[in-house]
Protein backbone atom coordinates (compact mmCIF):
# COMPACT_ATOMS: atom_id res chain seq x y z
CA MET A 1 -13.34 -47.74 -9.28
CA VAL A 2 -14.57 -50.47 -6.83
CA ASN A 3 -17.83 -48.99 -6.13
CA ALA A 4 -18.66 -47.56 -9.41
CA THR A 5 -21.56 -48.04 -11.77
CA ALA A 6 -21.32 -48.39 -15.27
CA LEU A 7 -24.08 -46.46 -17.06
CA ASN A 8 -25.30 -48.04 -20.92
CA ILE A 9 -26.14 -44.55 -22.51
CA ALA A 10 -26.80 -43.90 -25.91
CA ASN A 11 -27.22 -40.14 -26.00
CA THR A 12 -27.65 -37.88 -23.28
CA GLY A 13 -28.94 -34.41 -22.61
CA ILE A 14 -29.10 -31.97 -20.08
CA VAL A 15 -31.68 -29.35 -20.26
CA ASN A 16 -31.22 -26.19 -18.44
CA GLY A 17 -28.61 -27.91 -16.35
CA MET A 18 -27.05 -25.89 -13.27
CA VAL A 19 -23.09 -26.07 -13.71
CA ASP A 20 -21.82 -23.63 -11.46
CA LEU A 21 -23.19 -20.35 -10.43
CA ARG A 22 -20.06 -18.15 -10.39
CA ALA A 23 -19.45 -19.28 -14.41
CA MET A 24 -22.69 -19.32 -15.23
CA ALA A 25 -23.69 -15.59 -13.78
CA LEU A 26 -21.43 -13.74 -16.38
CA GLY A 27 -22.38 -15.86 -19.01
CA TYR A 28 -25.74 -14.81 -18.92
CA ALA A 29 -24.83 -10.94 -19.62
CA GLU A 30 -22.63 -11.69 -22.01
CA TRP A 31 -24.66 -13.95 -24.22
CA SER A 32 -27.44 -11.84 -23.56
CA ARG A 33 -25.71 -9.02 -26.07
CA ASN A 34 -23.42 -11.68 -28.13
CA ASN A 35 -25.27 -14.71 -29.15
CA THR A 36 -25.51 -16.29 -32.45
CA TYR A 37 -29.11 -15.88 -33.07
CA GLY A 38 -28.21 -12.06 -33.37
CA ARG A 39 -30.74 -10.81 -31.41
CA GLU A 40 -29.88 -7.94 -28.19
CA ILE A 41 -31.76 -9.26 -25.36
CA MET A 42 -30.41 -6.95 -22.68
CA THR A 43 -29.24 -3.29 -23.46
CA GLU A 44 -25.80 -2.64 -22.31
CA GLU A 45 -27.20 -0.85 -19.47
CA ILE A 46 -29.11 -3.78 -18.20
CA ALA A 47 -26.23 -6.08 -18.61
CA THR A 48 -23.99 -3.34 -16.72
CA LYS A 49 -26.34 -3.28 -13.89
CA TYR A 50 -26.86 -7.25 -13.92
CA ILE A 51 -22.90 -7.66 -13.82
CA GLN A 52 -23.00 -4.98 -10.69
CA THR A 53 -25.62 -7.45 -9.25
CA MET A 54 -23.53 -10.38 -9.42
CA GLU A 55 -20.02 -8.55 -8.41
CA ASP A 56 -21.50 -6.86 -5.47
CA PRO A 57 -19.03 -7.51 -2.43
CA GLU A 58 -21.86 -8.05 -0.15
CA GLU A 59 -24.93 -9.14 -1.26
CA GLY A 60 -24.03 -10.37 -4.76
CA CYS A 61 -24.66 -13.23 -6.63
CA PHE A 62 -20.62 -14.43 -5.95
CA ALA A 63 -20.30 -12.96 -2.71
CA LEU A 64 -23.12 -15.13 -1.37
CA THR A 65 -22.02 -18.22 -3.47
CA ASP A 66 -19.07 -18.04 -1.98
CA GLN A 67 -20.55 -17.49 1.73
CA CYS A 68 -22.52 -20.75 0.92
CA ARG A 69 -19.68 -22.76 -0.39
CA ALA A 70 -17.94 -21.68 3.17
CA LEU A 71 -20.79 -22.46 5.47
CA ALA A 72 -21.02 -25.93 3.77
CA ALA A 73 -18.14 -26.81 4.21
CA GLU A 74 -17.89 -26.18 7.32
CA LYS A 75 -21.66 -27.09 8.87
CA ASP A 76 -22.55 -30.02 5.79
CA PRO A 77 -19.54 -31.18 4.21
CA GLU A 78 -21.18 -34.52 3.53
CA HIS A 79 -23.58 -32.25 1.12
CA THR A 80 -27.01 -33.45 3.01
CA ALA A 81 -29.01 -30.47 3.19
CA GLN A 82 -30.05 -30.88 6.60
CA ASP A 83 -28.02 -27.79 7.86
CA GLU A 84 -30.97 -24.59 8.52
CA ASP A 85 -28.47 -21.60 8.20
CA VAL A 86 -26.79 -23.63 5.02
CA ASN A 87 -29.85 -23.97 3.11
CA LYS A 88 -30.82 -20.17 3.60
CA LEU A 89 -27.87 -19.07 2.82
CA CYS A 90 -27.39 -20.98 -0.44
CA ALA A 91 -31.03 -20.38 -1.45
CA ALA A 92 -30.14 -16.75 -0.93
CA ALA A 93 -27.55 -17.10 -3.26
CA THR A 94 -29.73 -18.57 -5.66
CA ALA A 95 -32.20 -16.28 -5.53
CA VAL A 96 -29.72 -13.78 -6.05
CA CYS A 97 -27.34 -15.72 -8.93
CA PHE A 98 -30.74 -16.70 -10.86
CA GLY A 99 -33.82 -14.49 -9.54
CA SER A 100 -31.74 -11.53 -10.80
CA ALA A 101 -30.96 -13.15 -14.23
CA ILE A 102 -34.47 -14.28 -14.84
CA GLY A 103 -35.34 -10.32 -13.80
CA TYR A 104 -33.56 -8.74 -15.81
CA PHE A 105 -34.51 -10.91 -18.82
CA GLU A 106 -38.04 -10.34 -18.18
CA LEU A 107 -36.91 -6.60 -19.32
CA SER A 108 -35.72 -7.53 -22.68
CA PRO A 109 -38.74 -7.25 -25.72
CA VAL A 110 -37.95 -11.31 -26.04
CA SER A 111 -38.76 -14.48 -23.66
CA HIS A 112 -35.65 -15.76 -22.12
CA CYS A 113 -36.84 -19.17 -23.17
CA SER A 114 -37.24 -18.50 -26.39
CA LEU A 115 -35.82 -15.96 -28.83
CA ARG A 116 -38.06 -16.68 -31.39
CA THR A 117 -40.95 -15.75 -28.78
CA SER A 118 -41.73 -11.58 -27.61
CA TRP A 119 -43.67 -11.25 -24.13
């Protein structure tokens, strides 16, 4: 750990942090129907449509995320965000993955930001 920086942190929290698109995407649908609050946020029909959007082999979240990662590995391996093609493709993946999630959540009678609040 020659170049490591020691951080003295008493506590930390991540608010609305992005972890991994593939890991998080299907979790939204599952959580919306099975959460510790006992509230159904998506109907089964909407959750199924959401999952189809994530898994579409051509334009779905997973397909675009995989394409983004492959193009980034090829054209922007240092993750400098200077390649326009990579930026466009990865922005499209983000829009499908998270834009779809928010769009489907907006069909719910409760807010995706706070289950205590109705729209």
